[in-house]
Amino acid sequence: MTTHHTSKPAAGPTQPIERAVMAGLVLAVIAALAWIGGMLYTVTGWSS
């Protein structure tokens, strides 16, 4: 009687999760750049 179970490849179930994480990171970077741009615009507006 064999009790060995083959493990399923981890690439299948983790692929959508990895895609969601990457999308979240890209959105976070875009939001950070937009925030920095807004701060620079505000500071330059104050100084003029």
PDB file of N, CA and C in Angstrom:
ATOM      1  N   MET A   1       0.844  -1.177   0.000  1.00  0.00           N
ATOM      2  CA  MET A   1       0.000   0.000   0.000  1.00  0.00           C
ATOM      3  C   MET A   1       0.895   1.248   0.000  1.00  0.00           C
ATOM      4  N   THR A   2       0.663   2.115  -0.934  1.00  0.00           N
ATOM      5  CA  THR A   2       1.484   3.311  -1.051  1.00  0.00           C
ATOM      6  C   THR A   2       0.797   4.487  -0.378  1.00  0.00           C
ATOM      7  N   THR A   3       1.536   5.203   0.462  1.00  0.00           N
ATOM      8  CA  THR A   3       0.971   6.364   1.144  1.00  0.00           C
ATOM      9  C   THR A   3       1.560   7.675   0.633  1.00  0.00           C
ATOM     10  N   HIS A   4       2.398   7.580  -0.393  1.00  0.00           N
ATOM     11  CA  HIS A   4       3.043   8.783  -0.922  1.00  0.00           C
ATOM     12  C   HIS A   4       2.065   9.558  -1.795  1.00  0.00           C
ATOM     13  N   HIS A   5       1.920  10.828  -1.502  1.00  0.00           N
ATOM     14  CA  HIS A   5       1.054  11.694  -2.305  1.00  0.00           C
ATOM     15  C   HIS A   5       1.928  12.677  -3.075  1.00  0.00           C
ATOM     16  N   THR A   6       1.667  12.787  -4.340  1.00  0.00           N
ATOM     17  CA  THR A   6       2.429  13.756  -5.133  1.00  0.00           C
ATOM     18  C   THR A   6       1.864  15.140  -4.906  1.00  0.00           C
ATOM     19  N   SER A   7       2.740  16.088  -4.698  1.00  0.00           N
ATOM     20  CA  SER A   7       2.288  17.459  -4.489  1.00  0.00           C
ATOM     21  C   SER A   7       1.999  18.109  -5.829  1.00  0.00           C
ATOM     22  N   LYS A   8       0.969  18.921  -5.850  1.00  0.00           N
ATOM     23  CA  LYS A   8       0.605  19.613  -7.082  1.00  0.00           C
ATOM     24  C   LYS A   8       1.553  20.789  -7.287  1.00  0.00           C
ATOM     25  N   PRO A   9       1.812  21.159  -8.515  1.00  0.00           N
ATOM     26  CA  PRO A   9       2.708  22.298  -8.746  1.00  0.00           C
ATOM     27  C   PRO A   9       2.116  23.585  -8.180  1.00  0.00           C
ATOM     28  N   ALA A  10       2.975  24.383  -7.578  1.00  0.00           N
ATOM     29  CA  ALA A  10       2.514  25.603  -6.922  1.00  0.00           C
ATOM     30  C   ALA A  10       2.292  26.742  -7.905  1.00  0.00           C
ATOM     31  N   ALA A  11       2.685  26.577  -9.157  1.00  0.00           N
ATOM     32  CA  ALA A  11       2.582  27.670 -10.124  1.00  0.00           C
ATOM     33  C   ALA A  11       1.133  27.962 -10.478  1.00  0.00           C
ATOM     34  N   GLY A  12       0.274  26.972 -10.493  1.00  0.00           N
ATOM     35  CA  GLY A  12      -1.115  27.162 -10.894  1.00  0.00           C
ATOM     36  C   GLY A  12      -1.903  28.072  -9.961  1.00  0.00           C
ATOM     37  N   PRO A  13      -2.077  27.695  -8.694  1.00  0.00           N
ATOM     38  CA  PRO A  13      -2.909  28.509  -7.803  1.00  0.00           C
ATOM     39  C   PRO A  13      -2.300  29.865  -7.451  1.00  0.00           C
ATOM     40  N   THR A  14      -0.992  29.986  -7.466  1.00  0.00           N
ATOM     41  CA  THR A  14      -0.381  31.241  -7.031  1.00  0.00           C
ATOM     42  C   THR A  14      -0.306  32.271  -8.155  1.00  0.00           C
ATOM     43  N   GLN A  15      -0.563  31.874  -9.387  1.00  0.00           N
ATOM     44  CA  GLN A  15      -0.433  32.807 -10.499  1.00  0.00           C
ATOM     45  C   GLN A  15      -1.405  33.988 -10.397  1.00  0.00           C
ATOM     46  N   PRO A  16      -2.699  33.777 -10.148  1.00  0.00           N
ATOM     47  CA  PRO A  16      -3.594  34.941 -10.020  1.00  0.00           C
ATOM     48  C   PRO A  16      -3.240  35.814  -8.826  1.00  0.00           C
ATOM     49  N   ILE A  17      -2.770  35.191  -7.748  1.00  0.00           N
ATOM     50  CA  ILE A  17      -2.389  35.971  -6.570  1.00  0.00           C
ATOM     51  C   ILE A  17      -1.178  36.826  -6.899  1.00  0.00           C
ATOM     52  N   GLU A  18      -0.218  36.243  -7.590  1.00  0.00           N
ATOM     53  CA  GLU A  18       0.982  36.999  -7.960  1.00  0.00           C
ATOM     54  C   GLU A  18       0.615  38.155  -8.879  1.00  0.00           C
ATOM     55  N   ARG A  19      -0.305  37.938  -9.794  1.00  0.00           N
ATOM     56  CA  ARG A  19      -0.743  39.000 -10.698  1.00  0.00           C
ATOM     57  C   ARG A  19      -1.429  40.120  -9.919  1.00  0.00           C
ATOM     58  N   ALA A  20      -2.235  39.770  -8.920  1.00  0.00           N
ATOM     59  CA  ALA A  20      -2.912  40.773  -8.109  1.00  0.00           C
ATOM     60  C   ALA A  20      -1.905  41.574  -7.283  1.00  0.00           C
ATOM     61  N   VAL A  21      -0.894  40.894  -6.759  1.00  0.00           N
ATOM     62  CA  VAL A  21       0.134  41.594  -5.983  1.00  0.00           C
ATOM     63  C   VAL A  21       0.906  42.563  -6.874  1.00  0.00           C
ATOM     64  N   MET A  22       1.259  42.107  -8.074  1.00  0.00           N
ATOM     65  CA  MET A  22       1.980  42.987  -8.993  1.00  0.00           C
ATOM     66  C   MET A  22       1.124  44.188  -9.387  1.00  0.00           C
ATOM     67  N   ALA A  23      -0.162  43.970  -9.639  1.00  0.00           N
ATOM     68  CA  ALA A  23      -1.050  45.080  -9.982  1.00  0.00           C
ATOM     69  C   ALA A  23      -1.144  46.058  -8.817  1.00  0.00           C
ATOM     70  N   GLY A  24      -1.207  45.546  -7.601  1.00  0.00           N
ATOM     71  CA  GLY A  24      -1.257  46.423  -6.434  1.00  0.00           C
ATOM     72  C   GLY A  24       0.013  47.237  -6.276  1.00  0.00           C
ATOM     73  N   LEU A  25       1.153  46.609  -6.517  1.00  0.00           N
ATOM     74  CA  LEU A  25       2.421  47.330  -6.408  1.00  0.00           C
ATOM     75  C   LEU A  25       2.537  48.407  -7.478  1.00  0.00           C
ATOM     76  N   VAL A  26       2.107  48.091  -8.692  1.00  0.00           N
ATOM     77  CA  VAL A  26       2.161  49.087  -9.769  1.00  0.00           C
ATOM     78  C   VAL A  26       1.255  50.263  -9.441  1.00  0.00           C
ATOM     79  N   LEU A  27       0.056  49.990  -8.939  1.00  0.00           N
ATOM     80  CA  LEU A  27      -0.851  51.077  -8.564  1.00  0.00           C
ATOM     81  C   LEU A  27      -0.280  51.900  -7.415  1.00  0.00           C
ATOM     82  N   ALA A  28       0.383  51.248  -6.480  1.00  0.00           N
ATOM     83  CA  ALA A  28       0.984  51.964  -5.353  1.00  0.00           C
ATOM     84  C   ALA A  28       2.098  52.882  -5.835  1.00  0.00           C
ATOM     85  N   VAL A  29       2.908  52.422  -6.784  1.00  0.00           N
ATOM     86  CA  VAL A  29       3.992  53.251  -7.316  1.00  0.00           C
ATOM     87  C   VAL A  29       3.411  54.446  -8.066  1.00  0.00           C
ATOM     88  N   ILE A  30       2.377  54.216  -8.863  1.00  0.00           N
ATOM     89  CA  ILE A  30       1.747  55.323  -9.595  1.00  0.00           C
ATOM     90  C   ILE A  30       1.160  56.335  -8.621  1.00  0.00           C
ATOM     91  N   ALA A  31       0.504  55.853  -7.572  1.00  0.00           N
ATOM     92  CA  ALA A  31      -0.077  56.759  -6.579  1.00  0.00           C
ATOM     93  C   ALA A  31       1.010  57.547  -5.857  1.00  0.00           C
ATOM     94  N   ALA A  32       2.126  56.896  -5.544  1.00  0.00           N
ATOM     95  CA  ALA A  32       3.224  57.592  -4.861  1.00  0.00           C
ATOM     96  C   ALA A  32       3.819  58.671  -5.756  1.00  0.00           C
ATOM     97  N   LEU A  33       4.011  58.358  -7.029  1.00  0.00           N
ATOM     98  CA  LEU A  33       4.554  59.354  -7.953  1.00  0.00           C
ATOM     99  C   LEU A  33       3.590  60.521  -8.123  1.00  0.00           C
ATOM    100  N   ALA A  34       2.295  60.231  -8.195  1.00  0.00           N
ATOM    101  CA  ALA A  34       1.305  61.301  -8.309  1.00  0.00           C
ATOM    102  C   ALA A  34       1.303  62.168  -7.059  1.00  0.00           C
ATOM    103  N   TRP A  35       1.440  61.553  -5.889  1.00  0.00           N
ATOM    104  CA  TRP A  35       1.466  62.308  -4.636  1.00  0.00           C
ATOM    105  C   TRP A  35       2.701  63.210  -4.578  1.00  0.00           C
ATOM    106  N   ILE A  36       3.851  62.657  -4.959  1.00  0.00           N
ATOM    107  CA  ILE A  36       5.087  63.458  -4.963  1.00  0.00           C
ATOM    108  C   ILE A  36       4.954  64.614  -5.949  1.00  0.00           C
ATOM    109  N   GLY A  37       4.392  64.340  -7.116  1.00  0.00           N
ATOM    110  CA  GLY A  37       4.174  65.402  -8.090  1.00  0.00           C
ATOM    111  C   GLY A  37       3.244  66.483  -7.555  1.00  0.00           C
ATOM    112  N   GLY A  38       2.206  66.081  -6.870  1.00  0.00           N
ATOM    113  CA  GLY A  38       1.286  67.051  -6.273  1.00  0.00           C
ATOM    114  C   GLY A  38       1.949  67.879  -5.193  1.00  0.00           C
ATOM    115  N   MET A  39       2.782  67.254  -4.389  1.00  0.00           N
ATOM    116  CA  MET A  39       3.498  67.996  -3.353  1.00  0.00           C
ATOM    117  C   MET A  39       4.469  69.005  -3.969  1.00  0.00           C
ATOM    118  N   LEU A  40       5.196  68.584  -4.995  1.00  0.00           N
ATOM    119  CA  LEU A  40       6.116  69.513  -5.667  1.00  0.00           C
ATOM    120  C   LEU A  40       5.348  70.670  -6.291  1.00  0.00           C
ATOM    121  N   TYR A  41       4.205  70.378  -6.898  1.00  0.00           N
ATOM    122  CA  TYR A  41       3.387  71.436  -7.498  1.00  0.00           C
ATOM    123  C   TYR A  41       2.908  72.411  -6.429  1.00  0.00           C
ATOM    124  N   THR A  42       2.512  71.891  -5.276  1.00  0.00           N
ATOM    125  CA  THR A  42       2.038  72.742  -4.184  1.00  0.00           C
ATOM    126  C   THR A  42       3.160  73.608  -3.644  1.00  0.00           C
ATOM    127  N   VAL A  43       4.324  73.016  -3.415  1.00  0.00           N
ATOM    128  CA  VAL A  43       5.445  73.772  -2.857  1.00  0.00           C
ATOM    129  C   VAL A  43       5.919  74.843  -3.838  1.00  0.00           C
ATOM    130  N   THR A  44       6.000  74.519  -5.128  1.00  0.00           N
ATOM    131  CA  THR A  44       6.409  75.529  -6.099  1.00  0.00           C
ATOM    132  C   THR A  44       5.353  76.625  -6.232  1.00  0.00           C
ATOM    133  N   GLY A  45       4.094  76.278  -6.010  1.00  0.00           N
ATOM    134  CA  GLY A  45       3.025  77.283  -6.040  1.00  0.00           C
ATOM    135  C   GLY A  45       3.128  78.238  -4.860  1.00  0.00           C
ATOM    136  N   TRP A  46       3.543  77.728  -3.705  1.00  0.00           N
ATOM    137  CA  TRP A  46       3.706  78.587  -2.537  1.00  0.00           C
ATOM    138  C   TRP A  46       4.874  79.540  -2.704  1.00  0.00           C
ATOM    139  N   SER A  47       5.944  79.077  -3.315  1.00  0.00           N
ATOM    140  CA  SER A  47       7.148  79.892  -3.380  1.00  0.00           C
ATOM    141  C   SER A  47       7.045  80.986  -4.442  1.00  0.00           C
ATOM    142  N   SER A  48       6.107  80.891  -5.373  1.00  0.00           N
ATOM    143  CA  SER A  48       6.025  81.931  -6.410  1.00  0.00           C
ATOM    144  C   SER A  48       5.051  83.025  -6.030  1.00  0.00           C
TER     145      SER A  48
END
